Structure formats: structure tokens, C-alpha cells
Amino acid sequence: MSSASPYHRARQDRGEPAGAGDHVNATLADLENRSTPELRAEWRSLYRTEPPTRLSRDLLLRGIAFRWQERLHGSLSTATKRRLDALARNSMGKMLRPSLPPPSSNRGRGWFANGTAALMP
């Protein structure tokens, strides 16, 4: 029985060497030790644009790590990007609408003939 973890066995099944992730992990650990100006410079080299001015250090790290991962493992397919854009466009109106009934609705109340209300369970 192999002593390799399931993660490393899965990588080997895909034809990747067992230590392939070690370099990535070491690089990510090194990334956390960099100063904010160094992270901004890395962002500029990866995205070819200035990082947003008020972007926190944590988000800089995440953005850089995401781009590294994207370059290492590949990006989403064009069809997947189009599908996500379509889903986002279709759901934007739904996300902005409140899920509660309007204040004028009588939902949850039962009305008697004399005009008084009783809460329904």
C-alpha cells in the first residue's frame, strides 16, 4: 500500500509527478511574505494593469494566486464564461428585488367580515 495521500495519488493518476504541488505551495507561502508594494508589482505584471487603489492586501494575494492557478491549470472555457455571463444577466433583476411581500399585502392575515384581522398560523 502506498503511503502517498489521496491528493498526491490523484495527481499521479493524471500523470503529474508527486511533488508537482510542492513548488506551488512553496511559491504561495513565499507570496504571503512579500510586502504590499511587491504584491502590487506582481499584480501589474500578471494583469497588465494597476491594481485597484483600495484593494486590501488579502484581496491582492487572492487575485495573484487566482491568476497563477489559472495559468497553471487553465482558464474556464469560452462557452462556460458565456453561460456564467448569461446567468448573471438573467439573475441581476431577481437579486435586486426584495423577497418579502410588499407592505400593503395581507399575507399571513385572515380578515373577518367586520374588518378586523386575525393572524393565521
N, C-alpha and C. Protein backbone atom coordinates (compact mmCIF):
# COMPACT_ATOMS: atom_id res chain seq x y z
N MET A 1 0.85 -1.17 0.00
CA MET A 1 0.00 0.00 0.00
C MET A 1 0.89 1.23 0.00
N SER A 2 0.54 2.20 -0.83
CA SER A 2 1.32 3.43 -0.96
C SER A 2 1.05 4.35 0.22
N SER A 3 2.07 5.07 0.65
CA SER A 3 1.89 6.00 1.75
C SER A 3 1.52 7.40 1.26
N ALA A 4 1.39 7.57 -0.06
CA ALA A 4 1.03 8.88 -0.60
C ALA A 4 -0.41 9.22 -0.25
N SER A 5 -0.65 10.50 -0.06
CA SER A 5 -2.01 10.95 0.26
C SER A 5 -2.91 10.79 -0.96
N PRO A 6 -4.23 10.76 -0.75
CA PRO A 6 -5.15 10.67 -1.88
C PRO A 6 -4.94 11.80 -2.89
N TYR A 7 -4.57 13.00 -2.39
CA TYR A 7 -4.32 14.14 -3.28
C TYR A 7 -3.16 13.83 -4.21
N HIS A 8 -2.06 13.34 -3.64
CA HIS A 8 -0.89 13.04 -4.46
C HIS A 8 -1.13 11.86 -5.39
N ARG A 9 -1.89 10.86 -4.91
CA ARG A 9 -2.22 9.73 -5.80
C ARG A 9 -3.05 10.21 -6.98
N ALA A 10 -3.99 11.11 -6.74
CA ALA A 10 -4.82 11.64 -7.83
C ALA A 10 -3.96 12.39 -8.83
N ARG A 11 -2.98 13.12 -8.34
CA ARG A 11 -2.09 13.86 -9.25
C ARG A 11 -1.27 12.88 -10.07
N GLN A 12 -0.82 11.79 -9.45
CA GLN A 12 -0.05 10.80 -10.19
C GLN A 12 -0.92 10.11 -11.23
N ASP A 13 -2.20 9.87 -10.89
CA ASP A 13 -3.11 9.25 -11.85
C ASP A 13 -3.28 10.12 -13.08
N ARG A 14 -3.18 11.44 -12.92
CA ARG A 14 -3.31 12.34 -14.06
C ARG A 14 -1.98 12.51 -14.78
N GLY A 15 -0.96 11.81 -14.33
CA GLY A 15 0.33 11.87 -14.99
C GLY A 15 1.24 12.97 -14.45
N GLU A 16 0.87 13.58 -13.34
CA GLU A 16 1.71 14.62 -12.76
C GLU A 16 2.63 14.00 -11.71
N PRO A 17 3.83 14.50 -11.58
CA PRO A 17 4.73 13.98 -10.54
C PRO A 17 4.19 14.29 -9.15
N ALA A 18 4.53 13.44 -8.21
CA ALA A 18 4.00 13.58 -6.85
C ALA A 18 4.38 14.90 -6.22
N GLY A 19 5.52 15.43 -6.51
CA GLY A 19 5.97 16.68 -5.89
C GLY A 19 5.59 17.91 -6.67
N ALA A 20 4.74 17.80 -7.69
CA ALA A 20 4.41 18.96 -8.54
C ALA A 20 3.75 20.07 -7.76
N GLY A 21 2.94 19.75 -6.77
CA GLY A 21 2.26 20.78 -5.99
C GLY A 21 3.16 21.42 -4.96
N ASP A 22 4.28 20.78 -4.63
CA ASP A 22 5.17 21.32 -3.61
C ASP A 22 5.73 22.67 -4.03
N HIS A 23 6.08 22.81 -5.30
CA HIS A 23 6.61 24.08 -5.80
C HIS A 23 5.55 25.17 -5.70
N VAL A 24 4.32 24.84 -6.05
CA VAL A 24 3.22 25.81 -5.98
C VAL A 24 2.99 26.22 -4.53
N ASN A 25 2.96 25.25 -3.62
CA ASN A 25 2.76 25.56 -2.20
C ASN A 25 3.88 26.44 -1.65
N ALA A 26 5.11 26.15 -2.05
CA ALA A 26 6.24 26.96 -1.60
C ALA A 26 6.15 28.38 -2.15
N THR A 27 5.73 28.51 -3.41
CA THR A 27 5.59 29.83 -4.03
C THR A 27 4.49 30.62 -3.35
N LEU A 28 3.37 29.96 -3.02
CA LEU A 28 2.29 30.65 -2.33
C LEU A 28 2.71 31.09 -0.93
N ALA A 29 3.47 30.25 -0.25
CA ALA A 29 3.96 30.62 1.08
C ALA A 29 4.89 31.83 0.97
N ASP A 30 5.71 31.85 -0.08
CA ASP A 30 6.60 32.99 -0.30
C ASP A 30 5.80 34.25 -0.61
N LEU A 31 4.70 34.10 -1.31
CA LEU A 31 3.85 35.24 -1.67
C LEU A 31 3.33 35.95 -0.42
N GLU A 32 2.97 35.20 0.60
CA GLU A 32 2.46 35.79 1.83
C GLU A 32 3.51 36.60 2.57
N ASN A 33 4.79 36.32 2.31
CA ASN A 33 5.87 37.04 2.98
C ASN A 33 6.27 38.32 2.26
N ARG A 34 5.71 38.57 1.09
CA ARG A 34 6.07 39.75 0.32
C ARG A 34 5.38 41.00 0.88
N SER A 35 6.00 42.13 0.62
CA SER A 35 5.42 43.41 1.07
C SER A 35 4.29 43.81 0.11
N THR A 36 3.47 44.74 0.55
CA THR A 36 2.35 45.20 -0.28
C THR A 36 2.84 45.83 -1.58
N PRO A 37 3.89 46.65 -1.59
CA PRO A 37 4.37 47.17 -2.88
C PRO A 37 4.84 46.06 -3.83
N GLU A 38 5.44 45.01 -3.27
CA GLU A 38 5.85 43.88 -4.12
C GLU A 38 4.63 43.16 -4.68
N LEU A 39 3.58 43.03 -3.87
CA LEU A 39 2.34 42.40 -4.35
C LEU A 39 1.70 43.24 -5.45
N ARG A 40 1.73 44.56 -5.30
CA ARG A 40 1.18 45.43 -6.33
C ARG A 40 1.96 45.30 -7.63
N ALA A 41 3.27 45.17 -7.53
CA ALA A 41 4.11 44.98 -8.72
C ALA A 41 3.79 43.64 -9.38
N GLU A 42 3.58 42.60 -8.59
CA GLU A 42 3.22 41.29 -9.14
C GLU A 42 1.87 41.37 -9.84
N TRP A 43 0.92 42.08 -9.23
CA TRP A 43 -0.41 42.26 -9.85
C TRP A 43 -0.25 42.92 -11.22
N ARG A 44 0.59 43.99 -11.27
CA ARG A 44 0.79 44.70 -12.54
C ARG A 44 1.38 43.78 -13.60
N SER A 45 2.29 42.90 -13.21
CA SER A 45 2.90 42.01 -14.19
C SER A 45 1.93 40.93 -14.66
N LEU A 46 1.03 40.49 -13.77
CA LEU A 46 0.08 39.43 -14.15
C LEU A 46 -1.12 39.95 -14.92
N TYR A 47 -1.67 41.08 -14.49
CA TYR A 47 -2.91 41.60 -15.07
C TYR A 47 -2.66 42.71 -16.09
N ARG A 48 -1.42 43.20 -16.17
CA ARG A 48 -1.05 44.28 -17.08
C ARG A 48 -1.90 45.54 -16.87
N THR A 49 -2.24 45.80 -15.64
CA THR A 49 -2.98 46.98 -15.25
C THR A 49 -2.68 47.26 -13.78
N GLU A 50 -2.96 48.49 -13.37
CA GLU A 50 -2.77 48.84 -11.97
C GLU A 50 -3.80 48.14 -11.10
N PRO A 51 -3.41 47.68 -9.91
CA PRO A 51 -4.42 47.12 -9.01
C PRO A 51 -5.33 48.23 -8.50
N PRO A 52 -6.57 47.92 -8.18
CA PRO A 52 -7.44 48.95 -7.61
C PRO A 52 -6.78 49.57 -6.37
N THR A 53 -6.93 50.87 -6.22
CA THR A 53 -6.19 51.58 -5.16
C THR A 53 -6.58 51.14 -3.76
N ARG A 54 -7.83 50.82 -3.52
CA ARG A 54 -8.27 50.47 -2.17
C ARG A 54 -8.39 48.96 -1.97
N LEU A 55 -7.77 48.17 -2.83
CA LEU A 55 -7.82 46.72 -2.70
C LEU A 55 -6.97 46.28 -1.51
N SER A 56 -7.55 45.49 -0.63
CA SER A 56 -6.83 45.07 0.57
C SER A 56 -5.71 44.10 0.21
N ARG A 57 -4.79 43.95 1.12
CA ARG A 57 -3.67 43.02 0.93
C ARG A 57 -4.18 41.60 0.70
N ASP A 58 -5.21 41.20 1.45
CA ASP A 58 -5.77 39.87 1.30
C ASP A 58 -6.32 39.65 -0.11
N LEU A 59 -7.02 40.65 -0.64
CA LEU A 59 -7.56 40.50 -1.99
C LEU A 59 -6.47 40.54 -3.05
N LEU A 60 -5.40 41.29 -2.80
CA LEU A 60 -4.24 41.25 -3.71
C LEU A 60 -3.68 39.83 -3.76
N LEU A 61 -3.49 39.23 -2.59
CA LEU A 61 -2.98 37.86 -2.53
C LEU A 61 -3.89 36.90 -3.28
N ARG A 62 -5.19 37.02 -3.06
CA ARG A 62 -6.14 36.12 -3.72
C ARG A 62 -6.15 36.30 -5.23
N GLY A 63 -6.09 37.56 -5.67
CA GLY A 63 -6.08 37.82 -7.11
C GLY A 63 -4.84 37.27 -7.78
N ILE A 64 -3.70 37.42 -7.14
CA ILE A 64 -2.45 36.91 -7.69
C ILE A 64 -2.47 35.39 -7.71
N ALA A 65 -2.90 34.78 -6.60
CA ALA A 65 -2.96 33.31 -6.53
C ALA A 65 -3.94 32.77 -7.57
N PHE A 66 -5.06 33.46 -7.79
CA PHE A 66 -6.03 33.02 -8.79
C PHE A 66 -5.40 33.04 -10.18
N ARG A 67 -4.68 34.11 -10.51
CA ARG A 67 -4.08 34.20 -11.84
C ARG A 67 -3.01 33.14 -12.02
N TRP A 68 -2.23 32.87 -10.96
CA TRP A 68 -1.23 31.80 -11.04
C TRP A 68 -1.92 30.47 -11.30
N GLN A 69 -2.99 30.20 -10.56
CA GLN A 69 -3.73 28.94 -10.72
C GLN A 69 -4.30 28.85 -12.13
N GLU A 70 -4.81 29.96 -12.62
CA GLU A 70 -5.39 29.99 -13.97
C GLU A 70 -4.32 29.67 -15.01
N ARG A 71 -3.15 30.20 -14.83
CA ARG A 71 -2.07 29.91 -15.78
C ARG A 71 -1.56 28.47 -15.67
N LEU A 72 -1.55 27.95 -14.46
CA LEU A 72 -1.06 26.59 -14.25
C LEU A 72 -2.04 25.53 -14.74
N HIS A 73 -3.32 25.72 -14.41
CA HIS A 73 -4.32 24.69 -14.71
C HIS A 73 -5.24 25.04 -15.87
N GLY A 74 -5.17 26.25 -16.35
CA GLY A 74 -6.04 26.67 -17.45
C GLY A 74 -7.24 27.44 -16.94
N SER A 75 -7.81 28.22 -17.85
CA SER A 75 -8.94 29.07 -17.52
C SER A 75 -10.24 28.36 -17.86
N LEU A 76 -11.36 29.01 -17.57
CA LEU A 76 -12.65 28.48 -17.97
C LEU A 76 -12.78 28.54 -19.49
N SER A 77 -13.53 27.63 -20.05
CA SER A 77 -13.74 27.64 -21.49
C SER A 77 -14.59 28.85 -21.86
N THR A 78 -14.52 29.24 -23.12
CA THR A 78 -15.30 30.38 -23.60
C THR A 78 -16.79 30.12 -23.42
N ALA A 79 -17.23 28.89 -23.68
CA ALA A 79 -18.64 28.55 -23.53
C ALA A 79 -19.08 28.69 -22.07
N THR A 80 -18.24 28.28 -21.14
CA THR A 80 -18.57 28.40 -19.72
C THR A 80 -18.64 29.86 -19.31
N LYS A 81 -17.71 30.68 -19.79
CA LYS A 81 -17.74 32.11 -19.48
C LYS A 81 -19.02 32.75 -20.02
N ARG A 82 -19.41 32.39 -21.25
CA ARG A 82 -20.64 32.94 -21.81
C ARG A 82 -21.84 32.52 -20.99
N ARG A 83 -21.88 31.26 -20.56
CA ARG A 83 -23.00 30.75 -19.76
C ARG A 83 -23.09 31.48 -18.43
N LEU A 84 -21.96 31.69 -17.76
CA LEU A 84 -21.96 32.41 -16.49
C LEU A 84 -22.41 33.85 -16.67
N ASP A 85 -21.97 34.50 -17.76
CA ASP A 85 -22.42 35.86 -18.04
C ASP A 85 -23.92 35.91 -18.25
N ALA A 86 -24.46 34.94 -18.99
CA ALA A 86 -25.91 34.90 -19.24
C ALA A 86 -26.67 34.68 -17.94
N LEU A 87 -26.19 33.78 -17.11
CA LEU A 87 -26.85 33.54 -15.82
C LEU A 87 -26.81 34.78 -14.95
N ALA A 88 -25.69 35.48 -14.96
CA ALA A 88 -25.58 36.70 -14.15
C ALA A 88 -26.53 37.77 -14.66
N ARG A 89 -26.63 37.93 -15.99
CA ARG A 89 -27.55 38.93 -16.55
C ARG A 89 -28.99 38.61 -16.20
N ASN A 90 -29.36 37.34 -16.28
CA ASN A 90 -30.74 36.94 -16.00
C ASN A 90 -31.10 37.03 -14.53
N SER A 91 -30.15 36.88 -13.66
CA SER A 91 -30.46 36.87 -12.24
C SER A 91 -30.28 38.24 -11.58
N MET A 92 -29.70 39.21 -12.27
CA MET A 92 -29.45 40.51 -11.64
C MET A 92 -30.75 41.17 -11.17
N GLY A 93 -31.79 41.15 -11.99
CA GLY A 93 -33.05 41.74 -11.58
C GLY A 93 -33.66 41.01 -10.40
N LYS A 94 -33.53 39.71 -10.38
CA LYS A 94 -34.09 38.92 -9.28
C LYS A 94 -33.33 39.17 -7.99
N MET A 95 -32.03 39.41 -8.10
CA MET A 95 -31.23 39.63 -6.90
C MET A 95 -31.54 40.98 -6.29
N LEU A 96 -31.93 41.95 -7.11
CA LEU A 96 -32.19 43.29 -6.59
C LEU A 96 -33.58 43.43 -6.00
N ARG A 97 -34.49 42.56 -6.39
CA ARG A 97 -35.85 42.65 -5.87
C ARG A 97 -35.91 42.05 -4.47
N PRO A 98 -36.63 42.70 -3.56
CA PRO A 98 -36.74 42.11 -2.21
C PRO A 98 -37.58 40.84 -2.26
N SER A 99 -37.28 39.92 -1.38
CA SER A 99 -38.01 38.66 -1.36
C SER A 99 -39.23 38.74 -0.45
N LEU A 100 -39.38 39.81 0.28
CA LEU A 100 -40.53 39.95 1.18
C LEU A 100 -41.74 40.48 0.40
N PRO A 101 -42.94 40.17 0.84
CA PRO A 101 -44.11 40.72 0.18
C PRO A 101 -44.20 42.22 0.40
N PRO A 102 -44.86 42.94 -0.49
CA PRO A 102 -44.98 44.38 -0.29
C PRO A 102 -45.75 44.69 1.00
N PRO A 103 -45.51 45.85 1.57
CA PRO A 103 -46.15 46.19 2.85
C PRO A 103 -47.67 46.20 2.78
N SER A 104 -48.24 46.42 1.62
CA SER A 104 -49.70 46.51 1.52
C SER A 104 -50.36 45.14 1.42
N SER A 105 -49.57 44.08 1.33
CA SER A 105 -50.18 42.76 1.17
C SER A 105 -50.76 42.27 2.51
N ASN A 106 -51.72 41.42 2.41
CA ASN A 106 -52.38 40.87 3.60
C ASN A 106 -51.93 39.45 3.87
N ARG A 107 -50.77 39.13 3.42
CA ARG A 107 -50.28 37.78 3.57
C ARG A 107 -50.10 37.44 5.06
N GLY A 108 -50.60 36.32 5.47
CA GLY A 108 -50.47 35.89 6.85
C GLY A 108 -51.58 36.38 7.75
N ARG A 109 -52.57 37.05 7.15
CA ARG A 109 -53.68 37.53 7.98
C ARG A 109 -55.00 37.03 7.41
N GLY A 110 -55.90 36.76 8.27
CA GLY A 110 -57.25 36.42 7.86
C GLY A 110 -58.17 37.56 8.24
N TRP A 111 -59.03 37.94 7.34
CA TRP A 111 -59.90 39.09 7.58
C TRP A 111 -61.32 38.63 7.88
N PHE A 112 -61.88 39.19 8.92
CA PHE A 112 -63.26 38.90 9.28
C PHE A 112 -64.19 39.88 8.54
N ALA A 113 -65.45 39.54 8.52
CA ALA A 113 -66.43 40.38 7.81
C ALA A 113 -66.52 41.77 8.40
N ASN A 114 -66.25 41.92 9.70
CA ASN A 114 -66.36 43.24 10.31
C ASN A 114 -65.11 44.10 10.12
N GLY A 115 -64.10 43.58 9.37
CA GLY A 115 -62.91 44.36 9.06
C GLY A 115 -61.76 44.17 10.02
N THR A 116 -61.90 43.33 11.02
CA THR A 116 -60.79 43.07 11.92
C THR A 116 -59.93 41.94 11.37
N ALA A 117 -58.69 41.92 11.78
CA ALA A 117 -57.74 40.93 11.25
C ALA A 117 -57.34 39.95 12.33
N ALA A 118 -57.07 38.73 11.92
CA ALA A 118 -56.54 37.72 12.82
C ALA A 118 -55.33 37.10 12.15
N LEU A 119 -54.24 36.95 12.89
CA LEU A 119 -53.05 36.33 12.32
C LEU A 119 -53.29 34.85 12.09
N MET A 120 -52.84 34.40 10.93
CA MET A 120 -53.00 32.98 10.60
C MET A 120 -51.70 32.27 10.92
N PRO A 121 -51.77 31.03 11.36
CA PRO A 121 -50.54 30.29 11.68
C PRO A 121 -49.78 29.92 10.43
